[in-house]
Amino acid sequence: MQAGIQERKMNTQNKILIIIGSAPCCADDIVAFSSMYQGALPLYSYGDNPVACDWMLIGLDSVEKIPWPAQYFATYHTSDIEPAFERRKAAGGNTDYMIIAHQQHIEKPTGRELVDLIIPCEPPSGSSALLGVLAGIKLGHEKIIVCGCPLMGKHDKQYDYANFRAGWTAKLAMIKDKTRSMSGWTQELLGAPTEEWINNVIPAKAGIQK
């Protein structure tokens, strides 16, 4: 499993990772970033040509938000891994992404371990989006752009997303140089990406060890 993770890291072309959250603003965030960075949207047949950016889906409600290939899926809700696979497949998207979570999850019919990369949760939680950012840094991405994760408002069960902000402030020193956000409170915390920031090379300091 670790060898596969190392291969995924080595295949990353320009070290840019786009994180896709579930907030309604996600589509607008993607459009705004692609307007600024022309290499964002993939112009290739999957598996044939170099990838412009890597894309990470965050949680069950993100899997239908982009039709082009995603390289990663991250969640703190491991019971959503299999439903996410089915929803992504039904939407016509790829399902051969790396799965990232805080613990292992076993597929009951086969006994197969589904999680490829485990990053234990360290309270306070910053939601699955922060898990994705930490995974992106661990995998060697130099620039991480967060879309659809404003941490504002409430979800359908009336849980306030502001409760996740403490996790981001706790990890700010670790993520601030390599992470920017396209909207909301996370943009206020991290700043918005600029062309200068994207083009300024930051050597990766963290990676997966064999």
C-alpha atoms as a PDB file:
ATOM      1  CA  MET A   1       0.000   0.000   0.000  1.00  0.00           C
ATOM      2  CA  GLN A   2       2.776   2.468   0.893  1.00  0.00           C
ATOM      3  CA  ALA A   3       4.502   1.808  -2.424  1.00  0.00           C
ATOM      4  CA  GLY A   4       1.332   2.883  -4.208  1.00  0.00           C
ATOM      5  CA  ILE A   5       1.233   6.086  -2.205  1.00  0.00           C
ATOM      6  CA  GLN A   6       4.841   6.820  -3.089  1.00  0.00           C
ATOM      7  CA  GLU A   7       4.072   6.236  -6.789  1.00  0.00           C
ATOM      8  CA  ARG A   8       1.120   8.647  -6.597  1.00  0.00           C
ATOM      9  CA  LYS A   9       3.397  11.256  -5.050  1.00  0.00           C
ATOM     10  CA  MET A  10       6.113  10.811  -7.680  1.00  0.00           C
ATOM     11  CA  ASN A  11       3.580  11.103 -10.515  1.00  0.00           C
ATOM     12  CA  THR A  12       2.406  14.532  -9.352  1.00  0.00           C
ATOM     13  CA  GLN A  13       3.575  16.963 -12.032  1.00  0.00           C
ATOM     14  CA  ASN A  14       3.466  20.487 -10.700  1.00  0.00           C
ATOM     15  CA  LYS A  15       2.519  19.905  -7.078  1.00  0.00           C
ATOM     16  CA  ILE A  16      -0.770  21.839  -7.218  1.00  0.00           C
ATOM     17  CA  LEU A  17      -3.735  20.276  -5.404  1.00  0.00           C
ATOM     18  CA  ILE A  18      -7.320  21.511  -5.683  1.00  0.00           C
ATOM     19  CA  ILE A  19      -9.560  20.490  -2.779  1.00  0.00           C
ATOM     20  CA  ILE A  20     -13.270  20.132  -3.580  1.00  0.00           C
ATOM     21  CA  GLY A  21     -15.689  20.634  -0.686  1.00  0.00           C
ATOM     22  CA  SER A  22     -19.457  20.337  -0.571  1.00  0.00           C
ATOM     23  CA  ALA A  23     -20.565  23.958  -0.041  1.00  0.00           C
ATOM     24  CA  PRO A  24     -22.833  25.553  -2.687  1.00  0.00           C
ATOM     25  CA  CYS A  25     -20.060  28.027  -3.564  1.00  0.00           C
ATOM     26  CA  CYS A  26     -17.780  25.235  -4.814  1.00  0.00           C
ATOM     27  CA  ALA A  27     -18.601  25.648  -8.515  1.00  0.00           C
ATOM     28  CA  ASP A  28     -18.045  29.402  -8.358  1.00  0.00           C
ATOM     29  CA  ASP A  29     -14.750  28.828  -6.522  1.00  0.00           C
ATOM     30  CA  ILE A  30     -13.527  26.462  -9.238  1.00  0.00           C
ATOM     31  CA  VAL A  31     -14.476  28.913 -11.998  1.00  0.00           C
ATOM     32  CA  ALA A  32     -12.757  31.787 -10.182  1.00  0.00           C
ATOM     33  CA  PHE A  33      -9.548  29.818  -9.720  1.00  0.00           C
ATOM     34  CA  SER A  34      -9.504  28.446 -13.266  1.00  0.00           C
ATOM     35  CA  SER A  35      -9.928  32.002 -14.565  1.00  0.00           C
ATOM     36  CA  MET A  36      -6.827  33.042 -12.661  1.00  0.00           C
ATOM     37  CA  TYR A  37      -4.743  29.911 -13.306  1.00  0.00           C
ATOM     38  CA  GLN A  38      -5.233  28.695 -16.864  1.00  0.00           C
ATOM     39  CA  GLY A  39      -3.669  25.294 -16.155  1.00  0.00           C
ATOM     40  CA  ALA A  40      -6.265  24.338 -13.551  1.00  0.00           C
ATOM     41  CA  LEU A  41      -8.849  22.455 -15.582  1.00  0.00           C
ATOM     42  CA  PRO A  42      -7.621  19.207 -17.121  1.00  0.00           C
ATOM     43  CA  LEU A  43      -7.251  19.194 -20.909  1.00  0.00           C
ATOM     44  CA  TYR A  44      -6.283  15.565 -21.316  1.00  0.00           C
ATOM     45  CA  SER A  45      -7.534  12.005 -21.619  1.00  0.00           C
ATOM     46  CA  TYR A  46      -7.281  10.333 -18.228  1.00  0.00           C
ATOM     47  CA  GLY A  47      -4.051   8.398 -17.880  1.00  0.00           C
ATOM     48  CA  ASP A  48      -2.445   9.645 -21.104  1.00  0.00           C
ATOM     49  CA  ASN A  49      -0.935  13.093 -20.608  1.00  0.00           C
ATOM     50  CA  PRO A  50       0.578  15.026 -17.691  1.00  0.00           C
ATOM     51  CA  VAL A  51      -1.912  16.290 -15.128  1.00  0.00           C
ATOM     52  CA  ALA A  52      -2.278  20.063 -14.742  1.00  0.00           C
ATOM     53  CA  CYS A  53      -3.481  19.837 -11.139  1.00  0.00           C
ATOM     54  CA  ASP A  54      -4.439  17.061  -8.774  1.00  0.00           C
ATOM     55  CA  TRP A  55      -8.000  17.077  -7.442  1.00  0.00           C
ATOM     56  CA  MET A  56      -9.233  15.861  -4.046  1.00  0.00           C
ATOM     57  CA  LEU A  57     -12.881  15.164  -3.224  1.00  0.00           C
ATOM     58  CA  ILE A  58     -13.862  15.899   0.380  1.00  0.00           C
ATOM     59  CA  GLY A  59     -16.672  13.758   1.731  1.00  0.00           C
ATOM     60  CA  LEU A  60     -19.757  12.164   0.251  1.00  0.00           C
ATOM     61  CA  ASP A  61     -21.421  15.319  -1.049  1.00  0.00           C
ATOM     62  CA  SER A  62     -18.432  16.355  -3.157  1.00  0.00           C
ATOM     63  CA  VAL A  63     -18.192  13.347  -5.451  1.00  0.00           C
ATOM     64  CA  GLU A  64     -20.603  14.659  -8.098  1.00  0.00           C
ATOM     65  CA  LYS A  65     -19.165  18.183  -8.268  1.00  0.00           C
ATOM     66  CA  ILE A  66     -16.489  17.575 -10.926  1.00  0.00           C
ATOM     67  CA  PRO A  67     -16.789  15.321 -14.012  1.00  0.00           C
ATOM     68  CA  TRP A  68     -13.059  15.086 -14.670  1.00  0.00           C
ATOM     69  CA  PRO A  69     -10.804  12.606 -12.835  1.00  0.00           C
ATOM     70  CA  ALA A  70     -10.087  13.028  -9.129  1.00  0.00           C
ATOM     71  CA  GLN A  71      -6.899  11.625  -7.662  1.00  0.00           C
ATOM     72  CA  TYR A  72      -7.997  11.548  -4.011  1.00  0.00           C
ATOM     73  CA  PHE A  73     -11.042  11.143  -1.758  1.00  0.00           C
ATOM     74  CA  ALA A  74     -10.757  12.209   1.903  1.00  0.00           C
ATOM     75  CA  THR A  75     -13.246  11.762   4.725  1.00  0.00           C
ATOM     76  CA  TYR A  76     -13.595  11.487   8.494  1.00  0.00           C
ATOM     77  CA  HIS A  77     -16.761   9.429   7.892  1.00  0.00           C
ATOM     78  CA  THR A  78     -15.406   6.077   6.752  1.00  0.00           C
ATOM     79  CA  SER A  79     -18.914   4.633   6.396  1.00  0.00           C
ATOM     80  CA  ASP A  80     -19.315   7.037   3.449  1.00  0.00           C
ATOM     81  CA  ILE A  81     -16.481   5.470   1.431  1.00  0.00           C
ATOM     82  CA  GLU A  82     -18.612   2.851  -0.303  1.00  0.00           C
ATOM     83  CA  PRO A  83     -21.646   5.136  -0.913  1.00  0.00           C
ATOM     84  CA  ALA A  84     -19.251   7.736  -2.328  1.00  0.00           C
ATOM     85  CA  PHE A  85     -17.879   5.154  -4.722  1.00  0.00           C
ATOM     86  CA  GLU A  86     -21.389   4.338  -5.955  1.00  0.00           C
ATOM     87  CA  ARG A  87     -22.454   7.977  -6.316  1.00  0.00           C
ATOM     88  CA  ARG A  88     -19.272   8.878  -8.156  1.00  0.00           C
ATOM     89  CA  LYS A  89     -19.668   5.909 -10.490  1.00  0.00           C
ATOM     90  CA  ALA A  90     -23.326   6.762 -11.176  1.00  0.00           C
ATOM     91  CA  ALA A  91     -22.294  10.320 -12.047  1.00  0.00           C
ATOM     92  CA  GLY A  92     -19.815   9.012 -14.608  1.00  0.00           C
ATOM     93  CA  GLY A  93     -16.712   9.938 -12.644  1.00  0.00           C
ATOM     94  CA  ASN A  94     -13.622   7.874 -11.935  1.00  0.00           C
ATOM     95  CA  THR A  95     -13.377   5.775  -8.777  1.00  0.00           C
ATOM     96  CA  ASP A  96      -9.708   4.802  -8.865  1.00  0.00           C
ATOM     97  CA  TYR A  97      -8.744   7.558  -6.437  1.00  0.00           C
ATOM     98  CA  MET A  98      -6.587   7.225  -3.338  1.00  0.00           C
ATOM     99  CA  ILE A  99      -8.751   7.027  -0.202  1.00  0.00           C
ATOM    100  CA  ILE A 100      -7.650   9.074   2.828  1.00  0.00           C
ATOM    101  CA  ALA A 101      -9.143   8.827   6.321  1.00  0.00           C
ATOM    102  CA  HIS A 102      -8.239   8.879  10.018  1.00  0.00           C
ATOM    103  CA  GLN A 103      -8.656   5.122  10.416  1.00  0.00           C
ATOM    104  CA  GLN A 104      -8.893   1.968   8.359  1.00  0.00           C
ATOM    105  CA  HIS A 105     -12.222   0.832   6.915  1.00  0.00           C
ATOM    106  CA  ILE A 106     -12.952  -2.755   5.921  1.00  0.00           C
ATOM    107  CA  GLU A 107     -15.223  -3.620   3.031  1.00  0.00           C
ATOM    108  CA  LYS A 108     -17.597  -6.172   4.566  1.00  0.00           C
ATOM    109  CA  PRO A 109     -18.265  -8.375   1.510  1.00  0.00           C
ATOM    110  CA  THR A 110     -14.563  -8.859   0.754  1.00  0.00           C
ATOM    111  CA  GLY A 111     -12.672  -8.025   3.961  1.00  0.00           C
ATOM    112  CA  ARG A 112     -10.536  -5.653   1.881  1.00  0.00           C
ATOM    113  CA  GLU A 113      -8.929  -2.614   3.499  1.00  0.00           C
ATOM    114  CA  LEU A 114     -10.179   0.451   1.623  1.00  0.00           C
ATOM    115  CA  VAL A 115      -8.173   3.294   3.153  1.00  0.00           C
ATOM    116  CA  ASP A 116      -4.843   3.929   1.405  1.00  0.00           C
ATOM    117  CA  LEU A 117      -3.508   6.713   3.625  1.00  0.00           C
ATOM    118  CA  ILE A 118      -4.319   7.075   7.335  1.00  0.00           C
ATOM    119  CA  ILE A 119      -3.801  10.413   9.081  1.00  0.00           C
ATOM    120  CA  PRO A 120      -4.989  10.148  12.700  1.00  0.00           C
ATOM    121  CA  CYS A 121      -7.358  12.858  13.894  1.00  0.00           C
ATOM    122  CA  GLU A 122      -5.836  15.307  16.363  1.00  0.00           C
ATOM    123  CA  PRO A 123      -8.547  17.344  18.135  1.00  0.00           C
ATOM    124  CA  PRO A 124      -9.872  19.911  17.592  1.00  0.00           C
ATOM    125  CA  SER A 125     -11.287  18.677  14.303  1.00  0.00           C
ATOM    126  CA  GLY A 126     -11.202  20.942  11.286  1.00  0.00           C
ATOM    127  CA  SER A 127     -13.596  18.706   9.318  1.00  0.00           C
ATOM    128  CA  SER A 128     -12.627  16.419   6.449  1.00  0.00           C
ATOM    129  CA  ALA A 129     -11.394  19.437   4.485  1.00  0.00           C
ATOM    130  CA  LEU A 130      -8.546  19.992   6.927  1.00  0.00           C
ATOM    131  CA  LEU A 131      -7.788  16.262   6.776  1.00  0.00           C
ATOM    132  CA  GLY A 132      -7.428  16.739   3.020  1.00  0.00           C
ATOM    133  CA  VAL A 133      -5.061  19.682   3.437  1.00  0.00           C
ATOM    134  CA  LEU A 134      -2.852  17.752   5.877  1.00  0.00           C
ATOM    135  CA  ALA A 135      -2.816  14.768   3.509  1.00  0.00           C
ATOM    136  CA  GLY A 136      -1.888  17.011   0.587  1.00  0.00           C
ATOM    137  CA  ILE A 137       1.087  18.394   2.495  1.00  0.00           C
ATOM    138  CA  LYS A 138       2.154  14.910   3.561  1.00  0.00           C
ATOM    139  CA  LEU A 139       2.025  13.752  -0.057  1.00  0.00           C
ATOM    140  CA  GLY A 140       4.344  16.559  -1.138  1.00  0.00           C
ATOM    141  CA  HIS A 141       1.994  19.081  -2.729  1.00  0.00           C
ATOM    142  CA  GLU A 142       3.464  22.572  -2.681  1.00  0.00           C
ATOM    143  CA  LYS A 143       0.302  24.580  -3.377  1.00  0.00           C
ATOM    144  CA  ILE A 144      -3.140  23.612  -2.065  1.00  0.00           C
ATOM    145  CA  ILE A 145      -6.238  25.559  -3.101  1.00  0.00           C
ATOM    146  CA  VAL A 146      -9.436  24.984  -1.140  1.00  0.00           C
ATOM    147  CA  CYS A 147     -12.743  25.307  -3.014  1.00  0.00           C
ATOM    148  CA  GLY A 148     -16.194  24.974  -1.479  1.00  0.00           C
ATOM    149  CA  CYS A 149     -15.005  24.965   2.144  1.00  0.00           C
ATOM    150  CA  PRO A 150     -15.928  28.391   3.574  1.00  0.00           C
ATOM    151  CA  LEU A 151     -16.818  27.014   7.043  1.00  0.00           C
ATOM    152  CA  MET A 152     -19.845  29.281   7.176  1.00  0.00           C
ATOM    153  CA  GLY A 153     -23.503  28.484   7.787  1.00  0.00           C
ATOM    154  CA  LYS A 154     -25.024  25.158   8.844  1.00  0.00           C
ATOM    155  CA  HIS A 155     -25.446  21.785   7.165  1.00  0.00           C
ATOM    156  CA  ASP A 156     -28.735  19.922   6.680  1.00  0.00           C
ATOM    157  CA  LYS A 157     -28.685  18.699  10.293  1.00  0.00           C
ATOM    158  CA  GLN A 158     -28.210  22.279  11.530  1.00  0.00           C
ATOM    159  CA  TYR A 159     -24.627  21.755  12.711  1.00  0.00           C
ATOM    160  CA  ASP A 160     -22.716  25.033  12.522  1.00  0.00           C
ATOM    161  CA  TYR A 161     -19.612  24.780  10.324  1.00  0.00           C
ATOM    162  CA  ALA A 162     -17.980  27.471  12.483  1.00  0.00           C
ATOM    163  CA  ASN A 163     -17.373  24.726  15.066  1.00  0.00           C
ATOM    164  CA  PHE A 164     -14.632  23.383  12.787  1.00  0.00           C
ATOM    165  CA  ARG A 165     -12.653  26.633  12.733  1.00  0.00           C
ATOM    166  CA  ALA A 166     -10.658  25.772  15.865  1.00  0.00           C
ATOM    167  CA  GLY A 167      -9.029  22.877  14.018  1.00  0.00           C
ATOM    168  CA  TRP A 168      -7.765  25.196  11.274  1.00  0.00           C
ATOM    169  CA  THR A 169      -6.373  27.777  13.677  1.00  0.00           C
ATOM    170  CA  ALA A 170      -4.645  25.004  15.640  1.00  0.00           C
ATOM    171  CA  LYS A 171      -2.884  23.820  12.467  1.00  0.00           C
ATOM    172  CA  LEU A 172      -2.336  27.272  10.955  1.00  0.00           C
ATOM    173  CA  ALA A 173       1.441  27.312  11.376  1.00  0.00           C
ATOM    174  CA  MET A 174       1.656  23.952   9.576  1.00  0.00           C
ATOM    175  CA  ILE A 175      -0.594  24.802   6.619  1.00  0.00           C
ATOM    176  CA  LYS A 176      -0.388  28.565   6.045  1.00  0.00           C
ATOM    177  CA  ASP A 177       2.540  28.658   3.598  1.00  0.00           C
ATOM    178  CA  LYS A 178       1.116  26.026   1.255  1.00  0.00           C
ATOM    179  CA  THR A 179      -2.638  26.578   1.498  1.00  0.00           C
ATOM    180  CA  ARG A 180      -5.056  29.196   0.191  1.00  0.00           C
ATOM    181  CA  SER A 181      -8.867  29.306  -0.003  1.00  0.00           C
ATOM    182  CA  MET A 182     -11.264  30.672  -2.597  1.00  0.00           C
ATOM    183  CA  SER A 183     -14.061  31.711  -0.239  1.00  0.00           C
ATOM    184  CA  GLY A 184     -15.468  32.391   3.206  1.00  0.00           C
ATOM    185  CA  TRP A 185     -13.812  32.189   6.587  1.00  0.00           C
ATOM    186  CA  THR A 186     -11.031  29.914   5.354  1.00  0.00           C
ATOM    187  CA  GLN A 187     -10.099  32.602   2.826  1.00  0.00           C
ATOM    188  CA  GLU A 188     -10.018  35.177   5.624  1.00  0.00           C
ATOM    189  CA  LEU A 189      -7.686  32.878   7.585  1.00  0.00           C
ATOM    190  CA  LEU A 190      -5.381  31.726   4.784  1.00  0.00           C
ATOM    191  CA  GLY A 191      -5.762  34.361   2.092  1.00  0.00           C
ATOM    192  CA  ALA A 192      -6.751  33.901  -1.526  1.00  0.00           C
ATOM    193  CA  PRO A 193      -4.355  32.403  -4.079  1.00  0.00           C
ATOM    194  CA  THR A 194      -2.556  34.797  -6.413  1.00  0.00           C
ATOM    195  CA  GLU A 195      -0.561  34.168  -9.566  1.00  0.00           C
ATOM    196  CA  GLU A 196       2.577  35.240  -7.720  1.00  0.00           C
ATOM    197  CA  TRP A 197       1.930  32.747  -4.918  1.00  0.00           C
ATOM    198  CA  ILE A 198       1.169  29.924  -7.359  1.00  0.00           C
ATOM    199  CA  ASN A 199       4.354  30.534  -9.348  1.00  0.00           C
ATOM    200  CA  ASN A 200       6.603  30.965  -6.311  1.00  0.00           C
ATOM    201  CA  VAL A 201       8.176  27.554  -5.733  1.00  0.00           C
ATOM    202  CA  ILE A 202       8.061  26.307  -2.139  1.00  0.00           C
ATOM    203  CA  PRO A 203      10.244  23.229  -1.584  1.00  0.00           C
ATOM    204  CA  ALA A 204       8.257  20.340  -0.141  1.00  0.00           C
ATOM    205  CA  LYS A 205       9.418  19.493   3.391  1.00  0.00           C
ATOM    206  CA  ALA A 206       7.141  16.578   4.098  1.00  0.00           C
ATOM    207  CA  GLY A 207       6.496  13.321   2.311  1.00  0.00           C
ATOM    208  CA  ILE A 208       5.615   9.688   2.669  1.00  0.00           C
ATOM    209  CA  GLN A 209       8.499   7.567   3.797  1.00  0.00           C
ATOM    210  CA  LYS A 210       8.961   4.066   2.475  1.00  0.00           C
END
